Amino acid sequence: MSLAFDEYGRPFIIIREQDSKKRLKGVDAYKSNIAAAKTIASTLRSSLGPKGMDKMMISPDGEVSVTNDGATIVEKMDIQHPVAKLMVELSQSQDNEIGDGTTGVVVFAGALLEQANKLIDKGLHPLKIADGFDKACEIAVARLDEIAEEIDIQENNHERLIEAAMTALSSKVVSKNKRKMAQIAVDAVLSVADLERRDVNFDLIKLQEKTGGSLEDTRLIQGILIEKDMSHPQMVKEVKDAKTAILTCPFEPPKPKTKHNINISSAEDYKKLYQQEQQYFREMVDDCKKSGANIIMCQWGFDDEANHLLLQADLPAVRWVSGTDIELIAVATGGRIVPRFEELSNDKLGEAKLVREIQFGTSNERMLVIEDCKQSKAVTILIRGGSNMIVSEARRSIHDANCVIRNLIKCPKIVYGGGSAEIACSLTVNQEADKISSVEQYAVRAFADALEDIPNALADNSGLNPIEAVANAKALQNSQTNPRIGVDCQLEGTFDMREQKVYETYLSKKQQFQLATQVVKMILKIDDVIAPEQ
């Protein structure tokens, strides 16, 4: 800080920018960063596994949501610390790429940082720790490759896909109905999957929420469900063998693009203008009738006069259909999206066996169902539930199950859950650490200890003694050389996860190890934090 004077002799203070910043350097920076990241991991730790607890998130405007989905929890948390935000991005990266394992990846990263903290206290350099974690990650992924099993997704009417989806749904609010939900997810994904290219287009799976009823009422519709009703209450509510005109042009008189004024000086002039407008509407309706359409889906609104003429022409119509729904209808029915009435023709119409309006409960809420579409590539999962919170969590759960099935279509390999994969990798990493002569062996062993934190958390959340449960699983894996032995979270009396049919996708587990290691390496390389004073 220094004193200076302006041209009028008035003093003013110059404050150097560096003085207004706070800095953490060296060990203090490492400790602060690790503590912030561990706080996020410890928050999510109790949500891991089939017996994991839920979190209630309250937004600044008072909106309440209850979930145990890791990506949703960290996204809704008000996080200020920049390193803690890295953990948020870690969870979101797992969600964007894999869609499952968002809680596990954060818990594992937190365990790695806790081990790194102990090694820093012993005097190990953070770069050596990062290099050791990198080597250990390679060993763990190689072990995953060995224990992963390739499955036949077509076997026994896709039973393996259903079991993998049920594993993902075990910890969710829909766990009571996980068999039904898993079957719905499998049917939905397979309806839109391209098995030759091993690809799934999630844009063709619409998740439609509707409060009311119960979770058991959730169902799969082979077609499109849109939250709209017929534009006129007297229009027919059911159209069989529908020929659908899909329009992105409004039923309105044309509007010149230039500024203009119309001067009406007599009743005859007004009548002429009215008749001209009527003629526009009649031509629009005639174009639709001539094309052979018997139902109209329009992205824009109708003038009341046009709506009346459509009713008179016995042409049911739906207005204000969203752009996303318009595209889905076009894909499912095989129709073309038409931007002008003059371009409408019979070969551009979409086809469906049935379009009907359905009503829910005693309310006036209605929806349109387009069933048995010509292409049948787009499907809708109608999610029901007793409250908005339950419906929203069920939606997130079904999305996770869809992602698990998509991953198995892309790479049909599984590893077994219950912490068995982590224990198997931990044992191998510990064995390989003995072959490393440098100080990095301490970091490699620390990585193995961090891997055991996942089965520890699973046991803890299931009400078991974590030390006893994990020690027992390790002993059984060693004695039986069986990498499927894990923690019996469901208390079914067997430790073999194959017998319990608890599967995780190989892609998800591999991504967890690699993403967590990358983020932890980044955090360990931060030795100087410069931030403005609050």
Protein backbone atom coordinates (compact mmCIF):
# COMPACT_ATOMS: atom_id res chain seq x y z
CA MET A 1 0.00 0.00 0.00
CA SER A 2 1.30 3.48 -0.84
CA LEU A 3 0.10 7.10 -0.79
CA ALA A 4 -0.18 9.26 -3.93
CA PHE A 5 -1.71 12.63 -4.91
CA ASP A 6 -3.90 13.60 -7.85
CA GLU A 7 -3.54 16.81 -9.94
CA TYR A 8 -5.49 18.79 -7.32
CA GLY A 9 -3.28 17.67 -4.46
CA ARG A 10 -5.86 15.29 -3.00
CA PRO A 11 -4.29 12.17 -1.46
CA PHE A 12 -5.41 8.67 -2.42
CA ILE A 13 -4.20 5.20 -1.47
CA ILE A 14 -2.86 2.67 -3.99
CA ILE A 15 -3.48 -0.89 -2.79
CA ARG A 16 -1.43 -3.52 -4.52
CA GLU A 17 -3.53 -6.40 -5.85
CA GLN A 18 -1.33 -8.95 -4.12
CA ASP A 19 -2.16 -7.43 -0.74
CA SER A 20 -5.85 -8.09 -1.30
CA LYS A 21 -5.32 -11.80 -1.83
CA LYS A 22 -4.86 -14.65 0.60
CA ARG A 23 -2.40 -17.43 -0.20
CA LEU A 24 -1.89 -20.95 0.96
CA LYS A 25 1.40 -22.54 0.02
CA GLY A 26 3.06 -25.93 0.42
CA VAL A 27 1.71 -28.31 3.04
CA ASP A 28 -1.01 -25.84 4.10
CA ALA A 29 -2.38 -25.84 0.54
CA TYR A 30 -2.36 -29.65 0.36
CA LYS A 31 -4.11 -29.97 3.73
CA SER A 32 -6.79 -27.39 2.87
CA ASN A 33 -7.54 -28.94 -0.52
CA ILE A 34 -7.69 -32.49 0.84
CA ALA A 35 -9.94 -31.44 3.74
CA ALA A 36 -12.40 -29.73 1.35
CA ALA A 37 -12.59 -32.72 -0.99
CA LYS A 38 -12.91 -35.20 1.90
CA THR A 39 -15.90 -33.23 3.25
CA ILE A 40 -17.81 -33.87 0.02
CA ALA A 41 -16.83 -37.55 0.01
CA SER A 42 -17.89 -38.05 3.64
CA THR A 43 -21.27 -36.46 2.85
CA LEU A 44 -21.90 -39.00 0.09
CA ARG A 45 -20.41 -41.99 1.93
CA SER A 46 -23.60 -42.79 3.83
CA SER A 47 -25.56 -42.92 0.54
CA LEU A 48 -23.49 -45.76 -0.92
CA GLY A 49 -24.93 -49.23 -1.44
CA PRO A 50 -28.35 -50.92 -1.27
CA LYS A 51 -28.90 -49.79 2.33
CA GLY A 52 -27.57 -46.26 1.72
CA MET A 53 -29.44 -43.32 3.23
CA ASP A 54 -31.15 -40.52 1.29
CA LYS A 55 -30.36 -36.81 1.48
CA MET A 56 -32.93 -34.04 1.64
CA MET A 57 -31.82 -31.08 -0.49
CA ILE A 58 -33.48 -27.69 0.07
CA SER A 59 -32.85 -25.09 -2.64
CA PRO A 60 -32.59 -21.32 -1.90
CA ASP A 61 -36.20 -20.85 -3.08
CA GLY A 62 -37.45 -23.56 -0.72
CA GLU A 63 -37.83 -26.40 -3.23
CA VAL A 64 -37.28 -29.77 -1.52
CA SER A 65 -35.90 -32.90 -3.18
CA VAL A 66 -34.99 -36.23 -1.61
CA THR A 67 -32.40 -38.40 -3.36
CA ASN A 68 -29.40 -40.69 -2.89
CA ASP A 69 -28.08 -40.16 -6.43
CA GLY A 70 -24.52 -38.87 -6.01
CA ALA A 71 -24.51 -36.57 -9.05
CA THR A 72 -27.81 -34.96 -8.01
CA ILE A 73 -26.67 -34.43 -4.40
CA VAL A 74 -23.40 -32.68 -5.26
CA GLU A 75 -25.07 -30.66 -8.03
CA LYS A 76 -27.65 -29.25 -5.60
CA MET A 77 -25.14 -28.53 -2.82
CA ASP A 78 -24.02 -24.93 -2.45
CA ILE A 79 -20.26 -25.47 -2.72
CA GLN A 80 -17.79 -22.56 -2.60
CA HIS A 81 -14.37 -24.19 -2.23
CA PRO A 82 -12.76 -24.59 -5.68
CA VAL A 83 -11.27 -28.03 -4.93
CA ALA A 84 -14.61 -29.25 -3.58
CA LYS A 85 -16.08 -28.16 -6.92
CA LEU A 86 -13.62 -30.57 -8.59
CA MET A 87 -15.42 -33.38 -6.76
CA VAL A 88 -18.72 -32.12 -8.16
CA GLU A 89 -17.27 -32.19 -11.68
CA LEU A 90 -15.89 -35.68 -10.98
CA SER A 91 -19.35 -36.99 -10.15
CA GLN A 92 -20.91 -35.23 -13.14
CA SER A 93 -18.23 -36.64 -15.47
CA GLN A 94 -19.08 -40.15 -14.29
CA ASP A 95 -22.78 -39.38 -14.79
CA ASN A 96 -22.30 -37.95 -18.29
CA GLU A 97 -20.07 -40.76 -19.53
CA ILE A 98 -21.45 -43.82 -17.71
CA GLY A 99 -24.64 -42.73 -15.90
CA ASP A 100 -24.02 -44.98 -12.89
CA GLY A 101 -21.50 -45.12 -10.01
CA THR A 102 -21.65 -41.37 -9.30
CA THR A 103 -21.55 -41.89 -5.52
CA GLY A 104 -18.84 -44.56 -5.57
CA VAL A 105 -16.42 -42.48 -7.62
CA VAL A 106 -16.55 -39.58 -5.12
CA VAL A 107 -16.23 -41.89 -2.10
CA PHE A 108 -13.21 -43.60 -3.69
CA ALA A 109 -11.57 -40.25 -4.51
CA GLY A 110 -12.12 -39.17 -0.89
CA ALA A 111 -10.48 -42.40 0.35
CA LEU A 112 -7.48 -41.80 -1.93
CA LEU A 113 -7.08 -38.27 -0.57
CA GLU A 114 -7.30 -39.51 3.01
CA GLN A 115 -4.49 -41.97 2.30
CA ALA A 116 -2.49 -39.22 0.56
CA ASN A 117 -2.88 -37.03 3.65
CA LYS A 118 -1.29 -39.72 5.82
CA LEU A 119 1.62 -40.11 3.39
CA ILE A 120 2.22 -36.33 3.30
CA ASP A 121 2.37 -36.36 7.12
CA LYS A 122 5.09 -39.03 6.83
CA GLY A 123 7.11 -36.75 4.57
CA LEU A 124 6.37 -38.28 1.17
CA HIS A 125 6.38 -35.80 -1.70
CA PRO A 126 2.94 -35.30 -3.34
CA LEU A 127 4.37 -35.97 -6.81
CA LYS A 128 5.66 -39.35 -5.66
CA ILE A 129 2.24 -40.11 -4.21
CA ALA A 130 0.56 -39.12 -7.50
CA ASP A 131 2.93 -41.34 -9.50
CA GLY A 132 2.33 -44.25 -7.13
CA PHE A 133 -1.45 -43.86 -7.45
CA ASP A 134 -1.06 -43.84 -11.23
CA LYS A 135 0.86 -47.13 -11.20
CA ALA A 136 -1.61 -48.69 -8.77
CA CYS A 137 -4.54 -47.63 -10.96
CA GLU A 138 -2.99 -49.42 -13.95
CA ILE A 139 -2.55 -52.57 -11.85
CA ALA A 140 -6.16 -52.36 -10.58
CA VAL A 141 -7.61 -51.87 -14.10
CA ALA A 142 -5.52 -54.82 -15.38
CA ARG A 143 -6.96 -56.96 -12.55
CA LEU A 144 -10.47 -55.77 -13.48
CA ASP A 145 -9.85 -57.00 -17.04
CA GLU A 146 -8.95 -60.43 -15.64
CA ILE A 147 -11.97 -60.84 -13.37
CA ALA A 148 -14.54 -59.28 -15.76
CA GLU A 149 -16.94 -61.78 -17.31
CA GLU A 150 -18.41 -61.41 -20.77
CA ILE A 151 -22.15 -62.09 -20.84
CA ASP A 152 -24.67 -62.91 -23.54
CA ILE A 153 -27.24 -60.12 -23.32
CA GLN A 154 -29.74 -62.20 -25.32
CA GLU A 155 -29.52 -65.18 -22.95
CA ASN A 156 -32.72 -66.33 -21.22
CA ASN A 157 -34.83 -63.46 -22.54
CA HIS A 158 -32.29 -60.76 -21.50
CA GLU A 159 -32.24 -61.99 -17.89
CA ARG A 160 -28.65 -60.82 -17.30
CA LEU A 161 -29.59 -57.28 -18.37
CA ILE A 162 -32.54 -57.32 -15.98
CA GLU A 163 -30.35 -58.50 -13.09
CA ALA A 164 -27.77 -55.77 -13.77
CA ALA A 165 -30.54 -53.14 -13.84
CA MET A 166 -31.94 -54.54 -10.57
CA THR A 167 -28.51 -54.10 -8.95
CA ALA A 168 -28.53 -50.41 -9.97
CA LEU A 169 -32.08 -49.99 -8.61
CA SER A 170 -31.42 -51.77 -5.27
CA SER A 171 -30.41 -48.58 -3.47
CA LYS A 172 -33.17 -46.40 -4.97
CA VAL A 173 -36.65 -45.44 -3.85
CA VAL A 174 -38.07 -47.91 -6.40
CA SER A 175 -36.23 -50.91 -4.86
CA LYS A 176 -39.52 -52.52 -3.77
CA ASN A 177 -40.58 -52.70 -7.43
CA LYS A 178 -37.08 -53.15 -8.88
CA ARG A 179 -37.96 -56.23 -10.94
CA LYS A 180 -40.77 -54.44 -12.77
CA MET A 181 -38.74 -51.24 -13.20
CA ALA A 182 -35.75 -53.21 -14.50
CA GLN A 183 -37.96 -55.00 -17.04
CA ILE A 184 -39.39 -51.67 -18.22
CA ALA A 185 -35.88 -50.20 -18.57
CA VAL A 186 -34.62 -53.24 -20.53
CA ASP A 187 -37.63 -53.19 -22.87
CA ALA A 188 -37.27 -49.44 -23.44
CA VAL A 189 -33.54 -49.54 -24.22
CA LEU A 190 -33.80 -52.59 -26.48
CA SER A 191 -36.67 -50.92 -28.39
CA VAL A 192 -34.36 -48.09 -29.51
CA ALA A 193 -30.98 -49.90 -29.50
CA ASP A 194 -28.92 -50.54 -32.60
CA LEU A 195 -27.35 -53.89 -31.65
CA GLU A 196 -25.15 -54.02 -34.75
CA ARG A 197 -23.47 -50.71 -33.94
CA ARG A 198 -23.77 -51.35 -30.19
CA ASP A 199 -25.33 -47.95 -29.71
CA VAL A 200 -28.40 -46.56 -27.91
CA ASN A 201 -29.97 -43.19 -28.69
CA PHE A 202 -31.41 -41.96 -25.40
CA ASP A 203 -33.19 -39.11 -27.23
CA LEU A 204 -35.72 -41.73 -28.37
CA ILE A 205 -36.61 -42.70 -24.78
CA LYS A 206 -38.93 -40.15 -23.23
CA LEU A 207 -39.38 -40.19 -19.44
CA GLN A 208 -42.76 -38.64 -18.67
CA GLU A 209 -43.56 -37.86 -15.04
CA LYS A 210 -47.14 -37.76 -13.75
CA THR A 211 -47.93 -37.33 -10.05
CA GLY A 212 -50.69 -39.59 -8.76
CA GLY A 213 -51.21 -43.32 -8.50
CA SER A 214 -48.34 -45.43 -7.22
CA LEU A 215 -44.96 -46.62 -8.48
CA GLU A 216 -46.62 -49.89 -9.57
CA ASP A 217 -48.58 -47.88 -12.17
CA THR A 218 -45.37 -46.97 -14.01
CA ARG A 219 -45.50 -48.47 -17.51
CA LEU A 220 -43.82 -48.52 -20.88
CA ILE A 221 -45.67 -47.12 -23.88
CA GLN A 222 -44.53 -48.25 -27.32
CA GLY A 223 -44.97 -44.82 -28.80
CA ILE A 224 -45.18 -41.24 -27.65
CA LEU A 225 -46.98 -39.69 -24.68
CA ILE A 226 -47.40 -35.91 -24.80
CA GLU A 227 -48.84 -33.68 -22.11
CA LYS A 228 -51.46 -32.14 -24.40
CA ASP A 229 -55.13 -32.61 -25.27
CA MET A 230 -57.28 -31.89 -28.32
CA SER A 231 -57.47 -28.19 -29.13
CA HIS A 232 -61.29 -28.18 -28.97
CA PRO A 233 -63.33 -29.96 -26.26
CA GLN A 234 -65.82 -31.31 -28.85
CA MET A 235 -63.20 -32.96 -31.05
CA VAL A 236 -63.05 -36.76 -31.04
CA LYS A 237 -60.86 -38.22 -28.29
CA GLU A 238 -59.71 -41.30 -30.22
CA VAL A 239 -58.38 -41.65 -33.76
CA LYS A 240 -57.76 -45.13 -35.18
CA ASP A 241 -55.36 -45.71 -38.09
CA ALA A 242 -54.10 -42.19 -37.60
CA LYS A 243 -52.56 -40.30 -40.54
CA THR A 244 -50.71 -37.51 -38.76
CA ALA A 245 -49.80 -34.16 -40.30
CA ILE A 246 -46.81 -32.79 -38.35
CA LEU A 247 -46.74 -29.01 -38.81
CA THR A 248 -44.36 -26.28 -37.73
CA CYS A 249 -46.52 -23.56 -39.37
CA PRO A 250 -49.31 -21.80 -37.40
CA PHE A 251 -53.01 -21.68 -38.36
CA GLU A 252 -52.89 -17.91 -38.65
CA PRO A 253 -53.27 -15.37 -41.46
CA PRO A 254 -49.93 -14.47 -43.09
CA LYS A 255 -48.17 -11.51 -41.55
CA PRO A 256 -46.19 -9.24 -43.94
CA LYS A 257 -42.60 -8.70 -42.85
CA THR A 258 -42.87 -4.92 -43.41
CA LYS A 259 -44.51 -2.26 -41.28
CA HIS A 260 -48.01 -1.63 -42.55
CA ASN A 261 -51.32 -0.01 -41.59
CA ILE A 262 -54.84 -1.02 -42.61
CA ASN A 263 -57.44 1.73 -42.66
CA ILE A 264 -61.02 0.46 -42.35
CA SER A 265 -63.52 3.22 -43.05
CA SER A 266 -66.75 1.25 -43.52
CA ALA A 267 -68.56 -1.95 -42.52
CA GLU A 268 -68.11 -3.31 -46.06
CA ASP A 269 -64.31 -2.99 -45.75
CA TYR A 270 -64.40 -4.86 -42.44
CA LYS A 271 -66.51 -7.65 -43.96
CA LYS A 272 -64.08 -8.00 -46.87
CA LEU A 273 -61.15 -8.28 -44.43
CA TYR A 274 -63.06 -10.87 -42.38
CA GLN A 275 -63.90 -12.90 -45.50
CA GLN A 276 -60.27 -12.78 -46.62
CA GLU A 277 -59.13 -14.10 -43.25
CA GLN A 278 -61.78 -16.86 -43.43
CA GLN A 279 -60.51 -17.78 -46.87
CA TYR A 280 -56.95 -18.18 -45.53
CA PHE A 281 -58.18 -20.56 -42.82
CA ARG A 282 -60.34 -22.56 -45.26
CA GLU A 283 -57.38 -23.02 -47.60
CA MET A 284 -55.21 -24.22 -44.70
CA VAL A 285 -57.83 -26.72 -43.55
CA ASP A 286 -58.42 -27.85 -47.17
CA ASP A 287 -54.68 -28.47 -47.62
CA CYS A 288 -54.74 -30.72 -44.55
CA LYS A 289 -57.87 -32.60 -45.71
CA LYS A 290 -56.54 -33.08 -49.25
CA SER A 291 -53.34 -34.65 -47.95
CA GLY A 292 -55.41 -37.43 -46.32
CA ALA A 293 -54.55 -36.43 -42.73
CA ASN A 294 -57.08 -37.29 -40.03
CA ILE A 295 -55.22 -35.63 -37.12
CA ILE A 296 -53.00 -32.53 -36.91
CA MET A 297 -49.99 -32.03 -34.63
CA CYS A 298 -48.92 -28.38 -34.69
CA GLN A 299 -45.95 -26.77 -32.94
CA TRP A 300 -47.73 -23.40 -32.81
CA GLY A 301 -51.12 -22.10 -31.74
CA PHE A 302 -54.48 -21.85 -33.54
CA ASP A 303 -56.65 -18.85 -34.01
CA ASP A 304 -60.10 -19.50 -32.47
CA GLU A 305 -61.65 -19.20 -35.92
CA ALA A 306 -59.24 -21.82 -37.30
CA ASN A 307 -60.01 -24.10 -34.36
CA HIS A 308 -63.73 -23.86 -35.13
CA LEU A 309 -63.17 -24.62 -38.83
CA LEU A 310 -61.04 -27.67 -37.93
CA LEU A 311 -63.90 -28.94 -35.76
CA GLN A 312 -66.40 -28.40 -38.60
CA ALA A 313 -64.09 -30.27 -40.98
CA ASP A 314 -63.99 -33.21 -38.51
CA LEU A 315 -60.21 -32.82 -38.26
CA PRO A 316 -58.96 -33.26 -34.65
CA ALA A 317 -55.88 -31.19 -33.85
CA VAL A 318 -53.32 -30.63 -31.10
CA ARG A 319 -51.61 -27.27 -30.64
CA TRP A 320 -48.50 -26.00 -28.83
CA VAL A 321 -46.68 -29.34 -29.13
CA SER A 322 -43.07 -28.81 -28.04
CA GLY A 323 -40.23 -29.02 -30.56
CA THR A 324 -38.78 -32.11 -28.82
CA ASP A 325 -42.12 -33.91 -28.96
CA ILE A 326 -42.62 -32.92 -32.61
CA GLU A 327 -39.28 -34.57 -33.47
CA LEU A 328 -40.10 -37.70 -31.47
CA ILE A 329 -43.52 -37.99 -33.16
CA ALA A 330 -41.87 -37.65 -36.56
CA VAL A 331 -39.31 -40.39 -35.75
CA ALA A 332 -41.90 -42.77 -34.28
CA THR A 333 -44.62 -42.34 -36.93
CA GLY A 334 -42.28 -42.07 -39.93
CA GLY A 335 -43.73 -38.67 -40.85
CA ARG A 336 -42.02 -35.56 -42.18
CA ILE A 337 -42.05 -32.24 -40.36
CA VAL A 338 -43.82 -29.80 -42.72
CA PRO A 339 -42.98 -26.07 -42.49
CA ARG A 340 -45.63 -24.81 -45.02
CA PHE A 341 -49.20 -25.86 -45.77
CA GLU A 342 -48.49 -25.90 -49.53
CA GLU A 343 -45.85 -28.61 -49.03
CA LEU A 344 -48.19 -30.98 -47.17
CA SER A 345 -48.83 -34.23 -49.08
CA ASN A 346 -49.89 -37.80 -48.33
CA ASP A 347 -46.34 -39.23 -48.42
CA LYS A 348 -45.29 -36.84 -45.61
CA LEU A 349 -47.90 -38.05 -43.13
CA GLY A 350 -46.96 -40.11 -40.09
CA GLU A 351 -48.81 -43.35 -39.33
CA ALA A 352 -49.96 -44.85 -36.05
CA LYS A 353 -52.59 -47.45 -35.16
CA LEU A 354 -54.14 -45.35 -32.43
CA VAL A 355 -54.06 -41.80 -31.04
CA ARG A 356 -56.17 -41.34 -27.93
CA GLU A 357 -56.66 -38.90 -25.10
CA ILE A 358 -56.40 -40.27 -21.57
CA GLN A 359 -57.43 -38.68 -18.28
CA PHE A 360 -55.85 -39.12 -14.84
CA GLY A 361 -57.81 -39.61 -11.64
CA THR A 362 -60.60 -37.16 -10.87
CA SER A 363 -58.69 -34.18 -12.23
CA ASN A 364 -59.02 -32.54 -15.62
CA GLU A 365 -55.41 -33.37 -16.49
CA ARG A 366 -55.20 -35.11 -19.84
CA MET A 367 -52.50 -36.55 -22.07
CA LEU A 368 -52.32 -37.86 -25.60
CA VAL A 369 -50.98 -41.33 -26.33
CA ILE A 370 -49.71 -42.21 -29.81
CA GLU A 371 -49.50 -46.02 -29.89
CA ASP A 372 -48.30 -48.68 -32.35
CA CYS A 373 -46.39 -46.21 -34.50
CA LYS A 374 -45.18 -47.14 -37.98
CA GLN A 375 -41.47 -46.95 -37.12
CA SER A 376 -41.90 -47.70 -33.37
CA LYS A 377 -38.39 -46.45 -32.64
CA ALA A 378 -39.39 -43.97 -29.95
CA VAL A 379 -40.83 -45.10 -26.60
CA THR A 380 -42.14 -43.40 -23.47
CA ILE A 381 -41.87 -44.49 -19.85
CA LEU A 382 -44.81 -43.05 -17.90
CA ILE A 383 -43.62 -42.67 -14.29
CA ARG A 384 -46.29 -42.49 -11.58
CA GLY A 385 -45.91 -41.83 -7.87
CA GLY A 386 -47.62 -40.38 -4.86
CA SER A 387 -45.67 -37.10 -4.76
CA ASN A 388 -43.42 -34.95 -6.90
CA MET A 389 -40.37 -36.03 -4.87
CA ILE A 390 -41.06 -39.74 -5.38
CA VAL A 391 -41.73 -39.27 -9.10
CA SER A 392 -38.53 -37.23 -9.56
CA GLU A 393 -36.41 -39.81 -7.71
CA ALA A 394 -38.03 -42.64 -9.69
CA ARG A 395 -37.12 -40.80 -12.89
CA ARG A 396 -33.47 -40.55 -11.80
CA SER A 397 -33.48 -44.24 -10.82
CA ILE A 398 -34.88 -45.39 -14.17
CA HIS A 399 -32.37 -43.19 -15.99
CA ASP A 400 -29.54 -44.93 -14.07
CA ALA A 401 -30.97 -48.36 -14.98
CA ASN A 402 -31.20 -47.30 -18.64
CA CYS A 403 -27.54 -46.24 -18.52
CA VAL A 404 -26.47 -49.61 -17.05
CA ILE A 405 -28.25 -51.46 -19.88
CA ARG A 406 -26.76 -49.11 -22.48
CA ASN A 407 -23.27 -49.79 -21.10
CA LEU A 408 -23.80 -53.56 -21.31
CA ILE A 409 -24.92 -53.22 -24.93
CA LYS A 410 -21.76 -51.19 -25.69
CA CYS A 411 -19.48 -53.56 -23.76
CA PRO A 412 -21.18 -56.78 -22.51
CA LYS A 413 -18.78 -57.34 -19.60
CA ILE A 414 -19.64 -57.37 -15.90
CA VAL A 415 -17.81 -57.42 -12.60
CA TYR A 416 -19.46 -58.51 -9.38
CA GLY A 417 -20.68 -56.00 -6.80
CA GLY A 418 -20.76 -55.96 -3.03
CA GLY A 419 -17.20 -54.61 -2.99
CA SER A 420 -15.85 -57.90 -4.40
CA ALA A 421 -14.14 -56.23 -7.38
CA GLU A 422 -12.47 -53.64 -5.10
CA ILE A 423 -11.24 -56.33 -2.69
CA ALA A 424 -9.85 -58.43 -5.57
CA CYS A 425 -8.04 -55.39 -7.01
CA SER A 426 -6.78 -54.39 -3.54
CA LEU A 427 -5.20 -57.80 -2.96
CA THR A 428 -3.48 -57.70 -6.36
CA VAL A 429 -2.23 -54.12 -5.90
CA ASN A 430 -0.77 -55.06 -2.48
CA GLN A 431 1.07 -58.01 -4.01
CA GLU A 432 2.48 -55.86 -6.81
CA ALA A 433 3.61 -53.21 -4.29
CA ASP A 434 6.18 -55.69 -2.92
CA LYS A 435 7.89 -55.71 -6.33
CA ILE A 436 8.42 -51.92 -6.35
CA SER A 437 11.73 -50.85 -4.81
CA SER A 438 11.19 -47.04 -4.76
CA VAL A 439 9.21 -45.01 -2.21
CA GLU A 440 6.25 -45.16 -4.60
CA GLN A 441 5.45 -48.56 -3.09
CA TYR A 442 3.94 -46.70 -0.10
CA ALA A 443 1.56 -44.85 -2.42
CA VAL A 444 0.67 -48.12 -4.21
CA ARG A 445 -0.20 -49.75 -0.87
CA ALA A 446 -2.19 -46.66 0.09
CA PHE A 447 -4.19 -47.09 -3.13
CA ALA A 448 -4.96 -50.67 -2.10
CA ASP A 449 -6.14 -49.45 1.33
CA ALA A 450 -8.35 -46.83 -0.38
CA LEU A 451 -9.96 -49.56 -2.51
CA GLU A 452 -11.06 -51.28 0.68
CA ASP A 453 -12.93 -48.16 1.75
CA ILE A 454 -15.75 -48.99 -0.71
CA PRO A 455 -16.62 -52.41 0.85
CA ASN A 456 -16.08 -50.79 4.28
CA ALA A 457 -18.72 -48.17 3.46
CA LEU A 458 -21.10 -50.82 2.07
CA ALA A 459 -20.80 -52.87 5.26
CA ASP A 460 -21.13 -49.82 7.50
CA ASN A 461 -24.29 -48.63 5.71
CA SER A 462 -25.78 -52.13 5.96
CA GLY A 463 -25.40 -52.24 9.76
CA LEU A 464 -22.53 -54.73 9.67
CA ASN A 465 -19.16 -54.50 11.40
CA PRO A 466 -17.06 -53.10 8.51
CA ILE A 467 -13.68 -54.40 9.75
CA GLU A 468 -15.04 -57.90 10.34
CA ALA A 469 -17.01 -58.03 7.06
CA VAL A 470 -14.11 -56.86 4.86
CA ALA A 471 -11.53 -59.03 6.67
CA ASN A 472 -13.80 -62.05 6.20
CA ALA A 473 -14.26 -61.30 2.47
CA LYS A 474 -10.49 -60.86 1.98
CA ALA A 475 -9.77 -64.13 3.77
CA LEU A 476 -12.33 -66.02 1.66
CA GLN A 477 -11.01 -64.50 -1.57
CA ASN A 478 -7.47 -65.56 -0.63
CA SER A 479 -8.38 -69.07 0.49
CA GLN A 480 -10.81 -69.85 -2.34
CA THR A 481 -9.11 -67.69 -5.02
CA ASN A 482 -12.64 -66.49 -5.80
CA PRO A 483 -12.85 -62.80 -6.86
CA ARG A 484 -16.65 -62.87 -6.52
CA ILE A 485 -16.62 -62.87 -2.71
CA GLY A 486 -17.94 -59.57 -1.33
CA VAL A 487 -19.92 -58.03 1.52
CA ASP A 488 -23.35 -59.58 2.13
CA CYS A 489 -25.24 -56.27 2.28
CA GLN A 490 -28.63 -57.93 1.72
CA LEU A 491 -27.98 -60.48 4.52
CA GLU A 492 -28.85 -63.38 2.21
CA GLY A 493 -26.39 -65.75 3.88
CA THR A 494 -23.96 -66.06 0.96
CA PHE A 495 -20.88 -63.98 0.20
CA ASP A 496 -20.68 -65.03 -3.46
CA MET A 497 -22.06 -62.15 -5.51
CA ARG A 498 -22.77 -64.46 -8.47
CA GLU A 499 -25.23 -66.38 -6.29
CA GLN A 500 -26.77 -63.10 -5.13
CA LYS A 501 -26.88 -61.91 -8.78
CA VAL A 502 -25.27 -58.58 -7.91
CA TYR A 503 -23.59 -57.24 -11.05
CA GLU A 504 -21.93 -53.99 -12.02
CA THR A 505 -20.84 -53.01 -15.50
CA TYR A 506 -17.14 -53.30 -16.25
CA LEU A 507 -17.19 -49.88 -17.95
CA SER A 508 -18.59 -48.19 -14.83
CA LYS A 509 -16.01 -49.71 -12.45
CA LYS A 510 -13.09 -49.01 -14.77
CA GLN A 511 -14.23 -45.40 -15.22
CA GLN A 512 -14.53 -44.97 -11.44
CA PHE A 513 -10.92 -46.04 -10.86
CA GLN A 514 -9.50 -43.92 -13.66
CA LEU A 515 -11.52 -40.74 -13.07
CA ALA A 516 -10.92 -40.74 -9.31
CA THR A 517 -7.17 -41.23 -9.81
CA GLN A 518 -6.96 -38.40 -12.35
CA VAL A 519 -8.77 -35.92 -10.09
CA VAL A 520 -6.72 -36.90 -7.03
CA LYS A 521 -3.49 -36.46 -9.01
CA MET A 522 -4.66 -32.98 -10.02
CA ILE A 523 -5.44 -32.04 -6.40
CA LEU A 524 -2.07 -33.35 -5.19
CA LYS A 525 -0.23 -31.14 -7.69
CA ILE A 526 -1.79 -27.92 -6.35
CA ASP A 527 0.82 -26.35 -4.03
CA ASP A 528 -0.20 -22.69 -4.13
CA VAL A 529 -3.73 -21.31 -3.75
CA ILE A 530 -4.17 -17.61 -4.52
CA ALA A 531 -7.65 -16.26 -3.86
CA PRO A 532 -9.18 -12.81 -3.26
CA GLU A 533 -10.03 -11.92 0.33
CA GLN A 534 -13.70 -12.37 1.13
